[in-house]
């Protein structure tokens, strides 16, 4: 049983080390507004599939107008909810 606990802790450490963004990227992402994530699961607990998912994103759009960041486990997801911010200048 002790070996299982140690193996689980080691596996979590490896997942954190290799799946999470590097410290420089994480520091840059902390500047983007968004709901506070939980360790390991991020904001996944706040997202339910179906109608609740849509209502949750609308609530975040009102709370963080334009752009916000959510974490799905260790992966950051940048949401742009404003057409002007998503506009790409194709004239070079």
C-alpha atoms as a PDB file:
ATOM      1  CA  UNK A   1       0.000   0.000   0.000  1.00  0.00           C
ATOM      2  CA  UNK A   2       2.855   2.391   0.791  1.00  0.00           C
ATOM      3  CA  UNK A   3       4.385   1.690  -2.623  1.00  0.00           C
ATOM      4  CA  UNK A   4       1.069   2.546  -4.300  1.00  0.00           C
ATOM      5  CA  UNK A   5       0.936   5.904  -2.543  1.00  0.00           C
ATOM      6  CA  UNK A   6       4.536   6.701  -3.486  1.00  0.00           C
ATOM      7  CA  UNK A   7       3.883   5.631  -7.089  1.00  0.00           C
ATOM      8  CA  UNK A   8       0.773   7.851  -7.215  1.00  0.00           C
ATOM      9  CA  UNK A   9       2.671  10.867  -5.886  1.00  0.00           C
ATOM     10  CA  UNK A  10       5.482  10.236  -8.372  1.00  0.00           C
ATOM     11  CA  UNK A  11       2.996   9.977 -11.239  1.00  0.00           C
ATOM     12  CA  UNK A  12       1.331  13.267 -10.244  1.00  0.00           C
ATOM     13  CA  UNK A  13       4.717  14.976 -10.085  1.00  0.00           C
ATOM     14  CA  UNK A  14       5.677  13.694 -13.546  1.00  0.00           C
ATOM     15  CA  UNK A  15       2.339  14.829 -14.982  1.00  0.00           C
ATOM     16  CA  UNK A  16       2.776  18.260 -13.438  1.00  0.00           C
ATOM     17  CA  UNK A  17       6.365  18.583 -14.600  1.00  0.00           C
ATOM     18  CA  UNK A  18       5.838  17.538 -18.216  1.00  0.00           C
ATOM     19  CA  UNK A  19       2.269  18.615 -18.964  1.00  0.00           C
ATOM     20  CA  UNK A  20       2.093  22.043 -17.354  1.00  0.00           C
ATOM     21  CA  UNK A  21       3.474  25.136 -19.081  1.00  0.00           C
ATOM     22  CA  UNK A  22       6.978  26.270 -18.237  1.00  0.00           C
ATOM     23  CA  UNK A  23       7.315  28.909 -15.475  1.00  0.00           C
ATOM     24  CA  UNK A  24       7.874  31.790 -17.918  1.00  0.00           C
ATOM     25  CA  UNK A  25       4.700  30.960 -19.867  1.00  0.00           C
ATOM     26  CA  UNK A  26       2.729  30.424 -16.655  1.00  0.00           C
ATOM     27  CA  UNK A  27       3.826  33.845 -15.347  1.00  0.00           C
ATOM     28  CA  UNK A  28       2.666  35.450 -18.594  1.00  0.00           C
ATOM     29  CA  UNK A  29      -0.683  33.611 -18.475  1.00  0.00           C
ATOM     30  CA  UNK A  30      -1.314  34.765 -14.885  1.00  0.00           C
ATOM     31  CA  UNK A  31      -1.791  38.289 -16.255  1.00  0.00           C
ATOM     32  CA  UNK A  32      -4.850  37.216 -18.283  1.00  0.00           C
ATOM     33  CA  UNK A  33      -8.111  37.479 -16.318  1.00  0.00           C
ATOM     34  CA  UNK A  34     -10.258  34.427 -15.749  1.00  0.00           C
ATOM     35  CA  UNK A  35     -11.919  32.253 -13.137  1.00  0.00           C
ATOM     36  CA  UNK A  36      -9.673  30.819 -10.434  1.00  0.00           C
ATOM     37  CA  UNK A  37      -8.676  27.216 -11.247  1.00  0.00           C
ATOM     38  CA  UNK A  38      -8.303  24.366  -8.785  1.00  0.00           C
ATOM     39  CA  UNK A  39      -5.072  22.361  -8.633  1.00  0.00           C
ATOM     40  CA  UNK A  40      -4.974  19.311 -10.927  1.00  0.00           C
ATOM     41  CA  UNK A  41      -8.397  19.850 -12.559  1.00  0.00           C
ATOM     42  CA  UNK A  42      -8.299  23.558 -13.375  1.00  0.00           C
ATOM     43  CA  UNK A  43     -11.759  24.916 -14.204  1.00  0.00           C
ATOM     44  CA  UNK A  44     -13.160  21.573 -15.381  1.00  0.00           C
ATOM     45  CA  UNK A  45     -15.418  21.373 -12.329  1.00  0.00           C
ATOM     46  CA  UNK A  46     -17.180  24.556 -13.457  1.00  0.00           C
ATOM     47  CA  UNK A  47     -17.904  23.286 -16.969  1.00  0.00           C
ATOM     48  CA  UNK A  48     -20.774  20.873 -17.463  1.00  0.00           C
ATOM     49  CA  UNK A  49     -21.686  19.669 -20.922  1.00  0.00           C
ATOM     50  CA  UNK A  50     -24.945  20.752 -22.491  1.00  0.00           C
ATOM     51  CA  UNK A  51     -26.958  23.844 -21.652  1.00  0.00           C
ATOM     52  CA  UNK A  52     -25.048  24.571 -18.431  1.00  0.00           C
ATOM     53  CA  UNK A  53     -21.782  24.828 -20.428  1.00  0.00           C
ATOM     54  CA  UNK A  54     -23.253  27.595 -22.594  1.00  0.00           C
ATOM     55  CA  UNK A  55     -24.639  29.482 -19.601  1.00  0.00           C
ATOM     56  CA  UNK A  56     -21.298  29.269 -17.799  1.00  0.00           C
ATOM     57  CA  UNK A  57     -19.420  30.726 -20.771  1.00  0.00           C
ATOM     58  CA  UNK A  58     -21.979  33.553 -21.011  1.00  0.00           C
ATOM     59  CA  UNK A  59     -21.457  34.305 -17.332  1.00  0.00           C
ATOM     60  CA  UNK A  60     -17.685  34.457 -17.834  1.00  0.00           C
ATOM     61  CA  UNK A  61     -18.181  36.696 -20.893  1.00  0.00           C
ATOM     62  CA  UNK A  62     -20.004  39.204 -18.680  1.00  0.00           C
ATOM     63  CA  UNK A  63     -17.471  38.901 -15.864  1.00  0.00           C
ATOM     64  CA  UNK A  64     -14.349  39.043 -18.076  1.00  0.00           C
ATOM     65  CA  UNK A  65     -15.310  41.031 -21.199  1.00  0.00           C
ATOM     66  CA  UNK A  66     -13.290  40.402 -24.324  1.00  0.00           C
ATOM     67  CA  UNK A  67     -10.735  37.803 -23.323  1.00  0.00           C
ATOM     68  CA  UNK A  68     -10.265  35.308 -20.496  1.00  0.00           C
ATOM     69  CA  UNK A  69      -8.284  32.233 -19.567  1.00  0.00           C
ATOM     70  CA  UNK A  70      -9.569  28.897 -18.296  1.00  0.00           C
ATOM     71  CA  UNK A  71      -7.542  25.841 -17.337  1.00  0.00           C
ATOM     72  CA  UNK A  72      -8.622  22.355 -18.379  1.00  0.00           C
ATOM     73  CA  UNK A  73      -6.445  20.237 -16.123  1.00  0.00           C
ATOM     74  CA  UNK A  74      -2.905  21.440 -16.968  1.00  0.00           C
ATOM     75  CA  UNK A  75      -3.836  23.004 -20.303  1.00  0.00           C
ATOM     76  CA  UNK A  76      -4.555  26.724 -20.553  1.00  0.00           C
ATOM     77  CA  UNK A  77      -7.375  27.708 -22.922  1.00  0.00           C
ATOM     78  CA  UNK A  78      -7.474  31.325 -24.033  1.00  0.00           C
ATOM     79  CA  UNK A  79     -11.022  32.414 -24.927  1.00  0.00           C
ATOM     80  CA  UNK A  80     -11.488  35.470 -27.133  1.00  0.00           C
ATOM     81  CA  UNK A  81     -15.064  36.671 -26.930  1.00  0.00           C
ATOM     82  CA  UNK A  82     -14.723  39.877 -28.929  1.00  0.00           C
ATOM     83  CA  UNK A  83     -14.535  39.992 -32.723  1.00  0.00           C
ATOM     84  CA  UNK A  84     -12.291  43.065 -32.701  1.00  0.00           C
ATOM     85  CA  UNK A  85      -9.711  41.278 -30.526  1.00  0.00           C
ATOM     86  CA  UNK A  86      -9.798  38.243 -32.813  1.00  0.00           C
ATOM     87  CA  UNK A  87      -9.350  40.306 -35.970  1.00  0.00           C
ATOM     88  CA  UNK A  88      -6.244  39.479 -37.962  1.00  0.00           C
ATOM     89  CA  UNK A  89      -4.513  42.093 -40.068  1.00  0.00           C
ATOM     90  CA  UNK A  90      -3.820  40.420 -43.407  1.00  0.00           C
ATOM     91  CA  UNK A  91      -2.212  43.465 -44.978  1.00  0.00           C
ATOM     92  CA  UNK A  92       1.510  43.162 -44.595  1.00  0.00           C
END
